[in-house]
Amino acid sequence: MNFTCPVCYYALLSEPAAHYNICDCCGTEFGLDDERFTFEELRLAWIANGARWFFQTPPIGWNPWTQLLLANVSSLPYSTDFSFSGTVRTEVLEVTEDAYALAA
């Protein structure tokens, strides 16, 4: 069973966010850090410090900004309002035996 960190929303914690467990992603020690600060304050501090992975090497493909966007965090250090003007090209991806091929 996996648990989600209430600070950074990393969803693959092996232990619940309690009892002095530490989030591998943001480094929050639950039962200590969250006694002095709210989850939001801890999140803002983690973001302000670059939202870096805390323990050892991050999982392949891990991206803190995607993780926070998927959790609908509104206090990001950049605008999430995207606009686009121009032509959008659409192609169909076709699955082949050994790779994805771009079909025209």
PDB file of N, CA and C in Angstrom:
ATOM      1  N   MET A   1       0.849  -1.180   0.000  1.00  0.00           N
ATOM      2  CA  MET A   1       0.000   0.000   0.000  1.00  0.00           C
ATOM      3  C   MET A   1       0.894   1.243   0.000  1.00  0.00           C
ATOM      4  N   ASN A   2       0.539   2.224  -0.803  1.00  0.00           N
ATOM      5  CA  ASN A   2       1.266   3.487  -0.861  1.00  0.00           C
ATOM      6  C   ASN A   2       0.461   4.590  -0.195  1.00  0.00           C
ATOM      7  N   PHE A   3       1.166   5.586   0.300  1.00  0.00           N
ATOM      8  CA  PHE A   3       0.561   6.735   0.959  1.00  0.00           C
ATOM      9  C   PHE A   3       1.034   8.008   0.274  1.00  0.00           C
ATOM     10  N   THR A   4       0.250   9.069   0.402  1.00  0.00           N
ATOM     11  CA  THR A   4       0.581  10.352  -0.222  1.00  0.00           C
ATOM     12  C   THR A   4       1.018  11.355   0.831  1.00  0.00           C
ATOM     13  N   CYS A   5       2.097  12.061   0.535  1.00  0.00           N
ATOM     14  CA  CYS A   5       2.595  13.103   1.424  1.00  0.00           C
ATOM     15  C   CYS A   5       1.652  14.310   1.356  1.00  0.00           C
ATOM     16  N   PRO A   6       1.180  14.800   2.500  1.00  0.00           N
ATOM     17  CA  PRO A   6       0.289  15.970   2.491  1.00  0.00           C
ATOM     18  C   PRO A   6       1.028  17.284   2.249  1.00  0.00           C
ATOM     19  N   VAL A   7       2.345  17.237   2.196  1.00  0.00           N
ATOM     20  CA  VAL A   7       3.130  18.444   1.941  1.00  0.00           C
ATOM     21  C   VAL A   7       3.421  18.592   0.451  1.00  0.00           C
ATOM     22  N   CYS A   8       4.083  17.595  -0.138  1.00  0.00           N
ATOM     23  CA  CYS A   8       4.513  17.701  -1.538  1.00  0.00           C
ATOM     24  C   CYS A   8       3.672  16.853  -2.492  1.00  0.00           C
ATOM     25  N   TYR A   9       2.781  16.048  -1.938  1.00  0.00           N
ATOM     26  CA  TYR A   9       1.876  15.178  -2.703  1.00  0.00           C
ATOM     27  C   TYR A   9       2.583  14.038  -3.433  1.00  0.00           C
ATOM     28  N   TYR A  10       3.774  13.669  -2.976  1.00  0.00           N
ATOM     29  CA  TYR A  10       4.418  12.483  -3.508  1.00  0.00           C
ATOM     30  C   TYR A  10       3.557  11.294  -3.107  1.00  0.00           C
ATOM     31  N   ALA A  11       3.158  10.479  -4.079  1.00  0.00           N
ATOM     32  CA  ALA A  11       2.133   9.453  -3.852  1.00  0.00           C
ATOM     33  C   ALA A  11       2.684   8.046  -3.631  1.00  0.00           C
ATOM     34  N   LEU A  12       3.991   7.917  -3.440  1.00  0.00           N
ATOM     35  CA  LEU A  12       4.546   6.576  -3.281  1.00  0.00           C
ATOM     36  C   LEU A  12       5.261   6.384  -1.946  1.00  0.00           C
ATOM     37  N   LEU A  13       4.752   7.035  -0.892  1.00  0.00           N
ATOM     38  CA  LEU A  13       5.330   6.805   0.427  1.00  0.00           C
ATOM     39  C   LEU A  13       5.011   5.378   0.864  1.00  0.00           C
ATOM     40  N   SER A  14       5.983   4.715   1.458  1.00  0.00           N
ATOM     41  CA  SER A  14       5.752   3.341   1.912  1.00  0.00           C
ATOM     42  C   SER A  14       5.117   3.300   3.291  1.00  0.00           C
ATOM     43  N   GLU A  15       5.163   4.411   4.025  1.00  0.00           N
ATOM     44  CA  GLU A  15       4.586   4.508   5.367  1.00  0.00           C
ATOM     45  C   GLU A  15       3.664   5.727   5.418  1.00  0.00           C
ATOM     46  N   PRO A  16       2.671   5.724   6.309  1.00  0.00           N
ATOM     47  CA  PRO A  16       1.799   6.897   6.418  1.00  0.00           C
ATOM     48  C   PRO A  16       2.555   8.130   6.916  1.00  0.00           C
ATOM     49  N   ALA A  17       1.993   9.289   6.677  1.00  0.00           N
ATOM     50  CA  ALA A  17       2.596  10.559   7.080  1.00  0.00           C
ATOM     51  C   ALA A  17       2.348  10.781   8.572  1.00  0.00           C
ATOM     52  N   ALA A  18       3.043  10.013   9.406  1.00  0.00           N
ATOM     53  CA  ALA A  18       2.877  10.081  10.864  1.00  0.00           C
ATOM     54  C   ALA A  18       4.056   9.382  11.536  1.00  0.00           C
ATOM     55  N   HIS A  19       4.109   9.477  12.845  1.00  0.00           N
ATOM     56  CA  HIS A  19       5.043   8.691  13.669  1.00  0.00           C
ATOM     57  C   HIS A  19       6.501   8.853  13.273  1.00  0.00           C
ATOM     58  N   TYR A  20       6.912  10.081  13.000  1.00  0.00           N
ATOM     59  CA  TYR A  20       8.297  10.415  12.679  1.00  0.00           C
ATOM     60  C   TYR A  20       8.812   9.789  11.381  1.00  0.00           C
ATOM     61  N   ASN A  21       7.902   9.371  10.510  1.00  0.00           N
ATOM     62  CA  ASN A  21       8.298   8.937   9.170  1.00  0.00           C
ATOM     63  C   ASN A  21       8.720  10.175   8.389  1.00  0.00           C
ATOM     64  N   ILE A  22       9.639   9.993   7.462  1.00  0.00           N
ATOM     65  CA  ILE A  22      10.160  11.107   6.669  1.00  0.00           C
ATOM     66  C   ILE A  22       9.820  10.882   5.209  1.00  0.00           C
ATOM     67  N   CYS A  23       9.301  11.914   4.558  1.00  0.00           N
ATOM     68  CA  CYS A  23       8.980  11.847   3.127  1.00  0.00           C
ATOM     69  C   CYS A  23      10.284  11.832   2.323  1.00  0.00           C
ATOM     70  N   ASP A  24      10.434  10.820   1.466  1.00  0.00           N
ATOM     71  CA  ASP A  24      11.623  10.722   0.611  1.00  0.00           C
ATOM     72  C   ASP A  24      11.732  11.915  -0.326  1.00  0.00           C
ATOM     73  N   CYS A  25      10.601  12.477  -0.692  1.00  0.00           N
ATOM     74  CA  CYS A  25      10.571  13.546  -1.689  1.00  0.00           C
ATOM     75  C   CYS A  25      10.922  14.904  -1.087  1.00  0.00           C
ATOM     76  N   CYS A  26      10.154  15.370  -0.117  1.00  0.00           N
ATOM     77  CA  CYS A  26      10.360  16.724   0.409  1.00  0.00           C
ATOM     78  C   CYS A  26      11.131  16.769   1.720  1.00  0.00           C
ATOM     79  N   GLY A  27      11.276  15.624   2.383  1.00  0.00           N
ATOM     80  CA  GLY A  27      12.048  15.577   3.622  1.00  0.00           C
ATOM     81  C   GLY A  27      11.286  15.943   4.872  1.00  0.00           C
ATOM     82  N   THR A  28       9.994  16.132   4.778  1.00  0.00           N
ATOM     83  CA  THR A  28       9.206  16.445   5.965  1.00  0.00           C
ATOM     84  C   THR A  28       9.224  15.271   6.927  1.00  0.00           C
ATOM     85  N   GLU A  29       9.525  15.543   8.196  1.00  0.00           N
ATOM     86  CA  GLU A  29       9.450  14.522   9.230  1.00  0.00           C
ATOM     87  C   GLU A  29       8.134  14.725   9.976  1.00  0.00           C
ATOM     88  N   PHE A  30       7.230  13.787   9.785  1.00  0.00           N
ATOM     89  CA  PHE A  30       5.888  13.903  10.347  1.00  0.00           C
ATOM     90  C   PHE A  30       5.912  13.603  11.843  1.00  0.00           C
ATOM     91  N   GLY A  31       5.272  14.470  12.606  1.00  0.00           N
ATOM     92  CA  GLY A  31       5.317  14.384  14.049  1.00  0.00           C
ATOM     93  C   GLY A  31       6.362  15.327  14.622  1.00  0.00           C
ATOM     94  N   LEU A  32       7.150  15.942  13.754  1.00  0.00           N
ATOM     95  CA  LEU A  32       8.137  16.929  14.185  1.00  0.00           C
ATOM     96  C   LEU A  32       7.950  18.221  13.390  1.00  0.00           C
ATOM     97  N   ASP A  33       8.248  18.174  12.080  1.00  0.00           N
ATOM     98  CA  ASP A  33       8.118  19.378  11.255  1.00  0.00           C
ATOM     99  C   ASP A  33       6.687  19.896  11.224  1.00  0.00           C
ATOM    100  N   ASP A  34       5.717  18.979  11.128  1.00  0.00           N
ATOM    101  CA  ASP A  34       4.319  19.412  11.034  1.00  0.00           C
ATOM    102  C   ASP A  34       3.726  19.797  12.384  1.00  0.00           C
ATOM    103  N   GLU A  35       4.507  19.683  13.452  1.00  0.00           N
ATOM    104  CA  GLU A  35       4.077  20.207  14.752  1.00  0.00           C
ATOM    105  C   GLU A  35       4.346  21.705  14.829  1.00  0.00           C
ATOM    106  N   ARG A  36       5.377  22.149  14.104  1.00  0.00           N
ATOM    107  CA  ARG A  36       5.780  23.558  14.155  1.00  0.00           C
ATOM    108  C   ARG A  36       5.216  24.376  13.001  1.00  0.00           C
ATOM    109  N   PHE A  37       4.938  23.711  11.875  1.00  0.00           N
ATOM    110  CA  PHE A  37       4.480  24.413  10.676  1.00  0.00           C
ATOM    111  C   PHE A  37       3.299  23.673  10.067  1.00  0.00           C
ATOM    112  N   THR A  38       2.463  24.409   9.336  1.00  0.00           N
ATOM    113  CA  THR A  38       1.351  23.769   8.624  1.00  0.00           C
ATOM    114  C   THR A  38       1.893  23.070   7.383  1.00  0.00           C
ATOM    115  N   PHE A  39       1.084  22.189   6.801  1.00  0.00           N
ATOM    116  CA  PHE A  39       1.495  21.528   5.560  1.00  0.00           C
ATOM    117  C   PHE A  39       1.762  22.558   4.473  1.00  0.00           C
ATOM    118  N   GLU A  40       0.919  23.576   4.413  1.00  0.00           N
ATOM    119  CA  GLU A  40       1.106  24.615   3.390  1.00  0.00           C
ATOM    120  C   GLU A  40       2.408  25.375   3.600  1.00  0.00           C
ATOM    121  N   GLU A  41       2.741  25.708   4.843  1.00  0.00           N
ATOM    122  CA  GLU A  41       4.000  26.404   5.118  1.00  0.00           C
ATOM    123  C   GLU A  41       5.199  25.526   4.735  1.00  0.00           C
ATOM    124  N   LEU A  42       5.126  24.243   5.049  1.00  0.00           N
ATOM    125  CA  LEU A  42       6.194  23.313   4.686  1.00  0.00           C
ATOM    126  C   LEU A  42       6.318  23.188   3.170  1.00  0.00           C
ATOM    127  N   ARG A  43       5.161  23.147   2.479  1.00  0.00           N
ATOM    128  CA  ARG A  43       5.154  23.058   1.014  1.00  0.00           C
ATOM    129  C   ARG A  43       5.788  24.305   0.401  1.00  0.00           C
ATOM    130  N   LEU A  44       5.399  25.480   0.895  1.00  0.00           N
ATOM    131  CA  LEU A  44       5.945  26.730   0.367  1.00  0.00           C
ATOM    132  C   LEU A  44       7.452  26.817   0.588  1.00  0.00           C
ATOM    133  N   ALA A  45       7.938  26.342   1.726  1.00  0.00           N
ATOM    134  CA  ALA A  45       9.373  26.338   2.000  1.00  0.00           C
ATOM    135  C   ALA A  45      10.099  25.372   1.062  1.00  0.00           C
ATOM    136  N   TRP A  46       9.499  24.204   0.828  1.00  0.00           N
ATOM    137  CA  TRP A  46      10.091  23.219  -0.089  1.00  0.00           C
ATOM    138  C   TRP A  46      10.170  23.789  -1.504  1.00  0.00           C
ATOM    139  N   ILE A  47       9.087  24.430  -1.949  1.00  0.00           N
ATOM    140  CA  ILE A  47       9.054  25.048  -3.276  1.00  0.00           C
ATOM    141  C   ILE A  47      10.085  26.186  -3.358  1.00  0.00           C
ATOM    142  N   ALA A  48      10.143  27.022  -2.319  1.00  0.00           N
ATOM    143  CA  ALA A  48      11.078  28.152  -2.308  1.00  0.00           C
ATOM    144  C   ALA A  48      12.534  27.689  -2.393  1.00  0.00           C
ATOM    145  N   ASN A  49      12.803  26.484  -1.918  1.00  0.00           N
ATOM    146  CA  ASN A  49      14.156  25.925  -1.975  1.00  0.00           C
ATOM    147  C   ASN A  49      14.387  25.100  -3.239  1.00  0.00           C
ATOM    148  N   GLY A  50      13.507  25.235  -4.217  1.00  0.00           N
ATOM    149  CA  GLY A  50      13.700  24.592  -5.509  1.00  0.00           C
ATOM    150  C   GLY A  50      12.992  23.266  -5.680  1.00  0.00           C
ATOM    151  N   ALA A  51      12.182  22.868  -4.704  1.00  0.00           N
ATOM    152  CA  ALA A  51      11.415  21.611  -4.781  1.00  0.00           C
ATOM    153  C   ALA A  51      12.331  20.441  -5.153  1.00  0.00           C
ATOM    154  N   ARG A  52      13.447  20.363  -4.469  1.00  0.00           N
ATOM    155  CA  ARG A  52      14.434  19.308  -4.748  1.00  0.00           C
ATOM    156  C   ARG A  52      14.048  18.000  -4.076  1.00  0.00           C
ATOM    157  N   TRP A  53      14.482  16.905  -4.675  1.00  0.00           N
ATOM    158  CA  TRP A  53      14.297  15.575  -4.096  1.00  0.00           C
ATOM    159  C   TRP A  53      15.169  15.496  -2.843  1.00  0.00           C
ATOM    160  N   PHE A  54      14.622  14.963  -1.755  1.00  0.00           N
ATOM    161  CA  PHE A  54      15.323  14.988  -0.468  1.00  0.00           C
ATOM    162  C   PHE A  54      16.279  13.819  -0.251  1.00  0.00           C
ATOM    163  N   PHE A  55      15.838  12.605  -0.512  1.00  0.00           N
ATOM    164  CA  PHE A  55      16.593  11.425  -0.101  1.00  0.00           C
ATOM    165  C   PHE A  55      17.105  10.622  -1.283  1.00  0.00           C
ATOM    166  N   GLN A  56      18.411  10.459  -1.367  1.00  0.00           N
ATOM    167  CA  GLN A  56      19.092   9.695  -2.403  1.00  0.00           C
ATOM    168  C   GLN A  56      18.739  10.197  -3.799  1.00  0.00           C
ATOM    169  N   THR A  57      18.455   9.304  -4.727  1.00  0.00           N
ATOM    170  CA  THR A  57      18.195   9.662  -6.115  1.00  0.00           C
ATOM    171  C   THR A  57      16.689   9.623  -6.391  1.00  0.00           C
ATOM    172  N   PRO A  58      16.155  10.650  -7.051  1.00  0.00           N
ATOM    173  CA  PRO A  58      14.711  10.620  -7.351  1.00  0.00           C
ATOM    174  C   PRO A  58      14.376   9.506  -8.336  1.00  0.00           C
ATOM    175  N   PRO A  59      13.120   9.074  -8.325  1.00  0.00           N
ATOM    176  CA  PRO A  59      12.692   8.071  -9.306  1.00  0.00           C
ATOM    177  C   PRO A  59      12.872   8.603 -10.733  1.00  0.00           C
ATOM    178  N   ILE A  60      13.125   7.709 -11.657  1.00  0.00           N
ATOM    179  CA  ILE A  60      13.267   8.095 -13.062  1.00  0.00           C
ATOM    180  C   ILE A  60      11.982   8.779 -13.525  1.00  0.00           C
ATOM    181  N   GLY A  61      12.127   9.928 -14.133  1.00  0.00           N
ATOM    182  CA  GLY A  61      10.988  10.670 -14.652  1.00  0.00           C
ATOM    183  C   GLY A  61      10.286  11.548 -13.632  1.00  0.00           C
ATOM    184  N   TRP A  62      10.754  11.560 -12.381  1.00  0.00           N
ATOM    185  CA  TRP A  62      10.098  12.375 -11.352  1.00  0.00           C
ATOM    186  C   TRP A  62      10.243  13.848 -11.682  1.00  0.00           C
ATOM    187  N   ASN A  63       9.158  14.587 -11.526  1.00  0.00           N
ATOM    188  CA  ASN A  63       9.155  16.020 -11.782  1.00  0.00           C
ATOM    189  C   ASN A  63       8.310  16.678 -10.695  1.00  0.00           C
ATOM    190  N   PRO A  64       8.903  17.521  -9.851  1.00  0.00           N
ATOM    191  CA  PRO A  64       8.136  18.114  -8.757  1.00  0.00           C
ATOM    192  C   PRO A  64       6.988  19.000  -9.226  1.00  0.00           C
ATOM    193  N   TRP A  65       7.181  19.689 -10.343  1.00  0.00           N
ATOM    194  CA  TRP A  65       6.148  20.614 -10.814  1.00  0.00           C
ATOM    195  C   TRP A  65       4.945  19.845 -11.347  1.00  0.00           C
ATOM    196  N   THR A  66       5.186  18.753 -12.051  1.00  0.00           N
ATOM    197  CA  THR A  66       4.080  17.915 -12.511  1.00  0.00           C
ATOM    198  C   THR A  66       3.334  17.333 -11.317  1.00  0.00           C
ATOM    199  N   GLN A  67       4.096  16.875 -10.330  1.00  0.00           N
ATOM    200  CA  GLN A  67       3.497  16.315  -9.111  1.00  0.00           C
ATOM    201  C   GLN A  67       2.580  17.335  -8.439  1.00  0.00           C
ATOM    202  N   LEU A  68       3.027  18.565  -8.337  1.00  0.00           N
ATOM    203  CA  LEU A  68       2.226  19.614  -7.698  1.00  0.00           C
ATOM    204  C   LEU A  68       1.043  20.036  -8.567  1.00  0.00           C
ATOM    205  N   LEU A  69       1.247  20.112  -9.879  1.00  0.00           N
ATOM    206  CA  LEU A  69       0.138  20.459 -10.780  1.00  0.00           C
ATOM    207  C   LEU A  69      -0.969  19.409 -10.718  1.00  0.00           C
ATOM    208  N   LEU A  70      -0.586  18.142 -10.702  1.00  0.00           N
ATOM    209  CA  LEU A  70      -1.585  17.068 -10.626  1.00  0.00           C
ATOM    210  C   LEU A  70      -2.358  17.110  -9.314  1.00  0.00           C
ATOM    211  N   ALA A  71      -1.742  17.660  -8.275  1.00  0.00           N
ATOM    212  CA  ALA A  71      -2.409  17.786  -6.976  1.00  0.00           C
ATOM    213  C   ALA A  71      -3.201  19.090  -6.871  1.00  0.00           C
ATOM    214  N   ASN A  72      -3.223  19.867  -7.961  1.00  0.00           N
ATOM    215  CA  ASN A  72      -3.940  21.148  -8.000  1.00  0.00           C
ATOM    216  C   ASN A  72      -3.438  22.154  -6.968  1.00  0.00           C
ATOM    217  N   VAL A  73      -2.125  22.163  -6.740  1.00  0.00           N
ATOM    218  CA  VAL A  73      -1.531  23.132  -5.824  1.00  0.00           C
ATOM    219  C   VAL A  73      -1.534  24.487  -6.509  1.00  0.00           C
ATOM    220  N   SER A  74      -2.073  25.478  -5.822  1.00  0.00           N
ATOM    221  CA  SER A  74      -2.217  26.795  -6.445  1.00  0.00           C
ATOM    222  C   SER A  74      -1.049  27.730  -6.150  1.00  0.00           C
ATOM    223  N   SER A  75      -0.214  27.408  -5.183  1.00  0.00           N
ATOM    224  CA  SER A  75       0.860  28.317  -4.781  1.00  0.00           C
ATOM    225  C   SER A  75       2.190  27.956  -5.441  1.00  0.00           C
ATOM    226  N   LEU A  76       2.182  27.869  -6.772  1.00  0.00           N
ATOM    227  CA  LEU A  76       3.397  27.567  -7.512  1.00  0.00           C
ATOM    228  C   LEU A  76       4.129  28.862  -7.865  1.00  0.00           C
ATOM    229  N   PRO A  77       5.459  28.789  -8.027  1.00  0.00           N
ATOM    230  CA  PRO A  77       6.231  30.017  -8.278  1.00  0.00           C
ATOM    231  C   PRO A  77       6.157  30.526  -9.706  1.00  0.00           C
ATOM    232  N   TYR A  78       5.192  30.083 -10.469  1.00  0.00           N
ATOM    233  CA  TYR A  78       5.015  30.542 -11.835  1.00  0.00           C
ATOM    234  C   TYR A  78       3.541  30.424 -12.184  1.00  0.00           C
ATOM    235  N   SER A  79       3.146  31.059 -13.263  1.00  0.00           N
ATOM    236  CA  SER A  79       1.751  31.037 -13.680  1.00  0.00           C
ATOM    237  C   SER A  79       1.409  29.708 -14.343  1.00  0.00           C
ATOM    238  N   THR A  80       0.257  29.177 -14.007  1.00  0.00           N
ATOM    239  CA  THR A  80      -0.212  27.953 -14.650  1.00  0.00           C
ATOM    240  C   THR A  80      -1.272  28.258 -15.699  1.00  0.00           C
ATOM    241  N   ASP A  81      -1.462  29.554 -15.988  1.00  0.00           N
ATOM    242  CA  ASP A  81      -2.403  29.948 -17.032  1.00  0.00           C
ATOM    243  C   ASP A  81      -1.662  29.908 -18.371  1.00  0.00           C
ATOM    244  N   PHE A  82      -2.028  28.974 -19.206  1.00  0.00           N
ATOM    245  CA  PHE A  82      -1.374  28.814 -20.489  1.00  0.00           C
ATOM    246  C   PHE A  82      -2.310  29.295 -21.588  1.00  0.00           C
ATOM    247  N   SER A  83      -1.742  29.989 -22.544  1.00  0.00           N
ATOM    248  CA  SER A  83      -2.535  30.386 -23.697  1.00  0.00           C
ATOM    249  C   SER A  83      -1.729  30.063 -24.949  1.00  0.00           C
ATOM    250  N   PHE A  84      -2.443  29.840 -26.047  1.00  0.00           N
ATOM    251  CA  PHE A  84      -1.786  29.478 -27.290  1.00  0.00           C
ATOM    252  C   PHE A  84      -2.554  30.085 -28.435  1.00  0.00           C
ATOM    253  N   SER A  85      -1.821  30.644 -29.376  1.00  0.00           N
ATOM    254  CA  SER A  85      -2.471  31.101 -30.601  1.00  0.00           C
ATOM    255  C   SER A  85      -1.642  30.578 -31.768  1.00  0.00           C
ATOM    256  N   GLY A  86      -2.305  30.086 -32.747  1.00  0.00           N
ATOM    257  CA  GLY A  86      -1.610  29.524 -33.895  1.00  0.00           C
ATOM    258  C   GLY A  86      -2.289  28.251 -34.358  1.00  0.00           C
ATOM    259  N   THR A  87      -1.607  27.538 -35.217  1.00  0.00           N
ATOM    260  CA  THR A  87      -2.144  26.304 -35.779  1.00  0.00           C
ATOM    261  C   THR A  87      -1.654  25.114 -34.964  1.00  0.00           C
ATOM    262  N   VAL A  88      -2.543  24.222 -34.673  1.00  0.00           N
ATOM    263  CA  VAL A  88      -2.180  23.005 -33.949  1.00  0.00           C
ATOM    264  C   VAL A  88      -2.126  21.858 -34.934  1.00  0.00           C
ATOM    265  N   ARG A  89      -0.978  21.180 -34.986  1.00  0.00           N
ATOM    266  CA  ARG A  89      -0.845  19.990 -35.830  1.00  0.00           C
ATOM    267  C   ARG A  89      -1.255  18.777 -35.024  1.00  0.00           C
ATOM    268  N   THR A  90      -1.980  17.896 -35.651  1.00  0.00           N
ATOM    269  CA  THR A  90      -2.354  16.654 -34.977  1.00  0.00           C
ATOM    270  C   THR A  90      -1.891  15.475 -35.809  1.00  0.00           C
ATOM    271  N   GLU A  91      -1.212  14.568 -35.171  1.00  0.00           N
ATOM    272  CA  GLU A  91      -0.772  13.336 -35.799  1.00  0.00           C
ATOM    273  C   GLU A  91      -1.317  12.174 -34.983  1.00  0.00           C
ATOM    274  N   VAL A  92      -1.357  11.034 -35.602  1.00  0.00           N
ATOM    275  CA  VAL A  92      -1.824   9.840 -34.915  1.00  0.00           C
ATOM    276  C   VAL A  92      -0.622   8.987 -34.567  1.00  0.00           C
ATOM    277  N   LEU A  93      -0.529   8.585 -33.318  1.00  0.00           N
ATOM    278  CA  LEU A  93       0.524   7.653 -32.935  1.00  0.00           C
ATOM    279  C   LEU A  93       0.028   6.240 -33.189  1.00  0.00           C
ATOM    280  N   GLU A  94       0.840   5.488 -33.852  1.00  0.00           N
ATOM    281  CA  GLU A  94       0.479   4.113 -34.186  1.00  0.00           C
ATOM    282  C   GLU A  94       1.425   3.170 -33.447  1.00  0.00           C
ATOM    283  N   VAL A  95       0.900   2.216 -32.711  1.00  0.00           N
ATOM    284  CA  VAL A  95       1.722   1.280 -31.968  1.00  0.00           C
ATOM    285  C   VAL A  95       2.190   0.178 -32.903  1.00  0.00           C
ATOM    286  N   THR A  96       3.489  -0.019 -32.952  1.00  0.00           N
ATOM    287  CA  THR A  96       4.062  -1.114 -33.732  1.00  0.00           C
ATOM    288  C   THR A  96       4.629  -2.136 -32.757  1.00  0.00           C
ATOM    289  N   GLU A  97       5.194  -3.215 -33.257  1.00  0.00           N
ATOM    290  CA  GLU A  97       5.709  -4.252 -32.386  1.00  0.00           C
ATOM    291  C   GLU A  97       6.854  -3.775 -31.507  1.00  0.00           C
ATOM    292  N   ASP A  98       7.733  -2.922 -32.029  1.00  0.00           N
ATOM    293  CA  ASP A  98       8.905  -2.549 -31.259  1.00  0.00           C
ATOM    294  C   ASP A  98       9.008  -1.067 -30.926  1.00  0.00           C
ATOM    295  N   ALA A  99       8.089  -0.252 -31.375  1.00  0.00           N
ATOM    296  CA  ALA A  99       8.183   1.167 -31.067  1.00  0.00           C
ATOM    297  C   ALA A  99       6.882   1.865 -31.428  1.00  0.00           C
ATOM    298  N   TYR A 100       6.800   3.128 -31.037  1.00  0.00           N
ATOM    299  CA  TYR A 100       5.675   3.945 -31.464  1.00  0.00           C
ATOM    300  C   TYR A 100       6.095   4.661 -32.729  1.00  0.00           C
ATOM    301  N   ALA A 101       5.278   4.572 -33.761  1.00  0.00           N
ATOM    302  CA  ALA A 101       5.605   5.216 -35.037  1.00  0.00           C
ATOM    303  C   ALA A 101       4.633   6.355 -35.265  1.00  0.00           C
ATOM    304  N   LEU A 102       5.146   7.426 -35.840  1.00  0.00           N
ATOM    305  CA  LEU A 102       4.325   8.584 -36.122  1.00  0.00           C
ATOM    306  C   LEU A 102       3.680   8.403 -37.488  1.00  0.00           C
ATOM    307  N   ALA A 103       2.353   8.384 -37.494  1.00  0.00           N
ATOM    308  CA  ALA A 103       1.625   8.209 -38.771  1.00  0.00           C
ATOM    309  C   ALA A 103       1.195   9.573 -39.265  1.00  0.00           C
ATOM    310  N   ALA A 104       1.334   9.802 -40.566  1.00  0.00           N
ATOM    311  CA  ALA A 104       0.962  11.106 -41.132  1.00  0.00           C
ATOM    312  C   ALA A 104      -0.463  11.079 -41.616  1.00  0.00           C
TER     313      ALA A 104
END
